Protein backbone atom coordinates (compact mmCIF):
# COMPACT_ATOMS: atom_id res chain seq x y z
CA MET A 1 72.86 72.45 75.28
CA ALA A 2 69.81 74.59 74.65
CA LYS A 3 70.19 78.22 73.76
CA PHE A 4 68.18 80.56 75.96
CA GLU A 5 66.87 83.94 75.01
CA PRO A 6 68.11 86.90 77.12
CA LYS A 7 64.59 87.48 78.46
CA GLU A 8 64.45 83.90 79.79
CA ILE A 9 67.79 84.28 81.55
CA THR A 10 66.73 87.60 83.09
CA ASN A 11 63.53 86.00 84.38
CA TRP A 12 65.54 83.29 86.13
CA GLU A 13 67.34 85.96 88.14
CA HIS A 14 64.11 87.32 89.59
CA ASP A 15 61.79 85.86 92.17
CA ASN A 16 58.42 87.52 91.58
CA THR A 17 56.95 86.16 94.82
CA VAL A 18 59.17 88.46 96.90
CA VAL A 19 60.10 91.03 94.23
CA ALA A 20 63.80 90.33 94.63
CA LYS A 21 66.75 89.44 92.45
CA ARG A 22 68.45 86.12 93.05
CA VAL A 23 72.24 86.42 93.19
CA VAL A 24 74.47 83.47 93.99
CA SER A 25 78.15 83.87 94.77
CA VAL A 26 80.29 81.15 93.25
CA MET A 27 83.35 81.84 95.40
CA SER A 28 82.09 83.44 98.59
CA GLN A 29 84.41 85.78 100.45
CA ASN A 30 82.59 84.96 103.69
CA GLN A 31 83.20 82.57 106.53
CA MET A 32 80.41 80.62 108.22
CA LEU A 33 80.14 79.39 111.81
CA ILE A 34 77.49 77.08 113.27
CA ASP A 35 76.67 76.62 116.96
CA GLU A 36 74.20 73.91 117.94
CA ALA A 37 73.56 75.43 121.34
CA GLY A 38 71.17 72.76 122.59
CA SER A 39 67.48 72.81 123.55
CA GLY A 40 66.62 73.03 119.85
CA ILE A 41 68.52 76.31 119.28
CA THR A 42 71.05 76.62 116.45
CA TYR A 43 72.98 79.76 115.50
CA ILE A 44 74.41 80.24 112.00
CA GLY A 45 76.76 83.17 111.49
CA GLU A 46 78.23 84.59 108.32
CA GLY A 47 80.95 87.23 108.22
CA ALA A 48 83.71 88.47 105.95
CA LYS A 49 86.80 86.27 105.81
CA GLY A 50 89.15 87.37 108.56
CA LEU A 51 86.44 89.13 110.62
CA ALA A 52 87.12 88.39 114.29
CA THR A 53 84.36 86.60 116.19
CA SER A 54 84.46 89.47 118.71
CA ALA A 55 83.88 92.13 116.00
CA ASP A 56 80.51 93.52 114.94
CA GLY A 57 79.45 92.76 111.37
CA TRP A 58 78.31 89.15 111.60
CA SER A 59 74.95 88.26 110.08
CA ILE A 60 73.52 85.73 112.52
CA LYS A 61 70.42 83.56 112.23
CA LYS A 62 68.83 81.96 115.28
CA ILE A 63 66.86 78.81 114.48
CA ASP A 64 64.49 77.65 117.22
CA GLU A 65 63.35 74.10 116.53
CA SER A 66 61.69 73.80 119.93
CA SER A 67 58.90 76.19 118.90
CA ASN A 68 55.95 75.20 116.78
CA PRO A 69 56.28 76.29 114.03
CA ILE A 70 60.08 76.45 113.86
CA THR A 71 61.23 80.08 113.95
CA ILE A 72 64.18 81.66 112.19
CA LYS A 73 65.19 85.15 113.29
CA SER A 74 68.14 87.36 112.34
CA ALA A 75 70.51 89.82 113.98
CA ILE A 76 73.70 91.71 113.16
CA GLY A 77 76.50 91.83 115.71
CA ALA A 78 79.51 89.98 117.07
CA TRP A 79 79.48 86.19 116.83
CA ASN A 80 80.66 86.00 120.45
CA ASP A 81 77.50 87.89 121.53
CA ARG A 82 75.07 85.64 119.58
CA THR A 83 73.17 84.43 122.66
CA SER A 84 72.45 87.98 123.91
CA LEU A 85 71.60 89.76 120.62
CA SER A 86 68.09 91.00 119.84
CA TYR A 87 66.69 88.86 117.03
CA THR A 88 63.84 89.95 114.77
């Protein structure tokens, strides 16, 4: 196994194209739900383990494959309200 210098490792954590730090959770404490709603719409929700689907706090992505190009928009709210949330 190659030995890497600290500067090299630090550089791997950063994505200079978006000026952000990449962090990956090995053991996520989140739950994920997927709803293939039909007509090319898919919802993907992520919330803390144990968070009720009726509770606010879900991070929800709406993927619209029927549009050209495909759009992915996000909202925060209750999973149960995913079809009526305002996505940006």
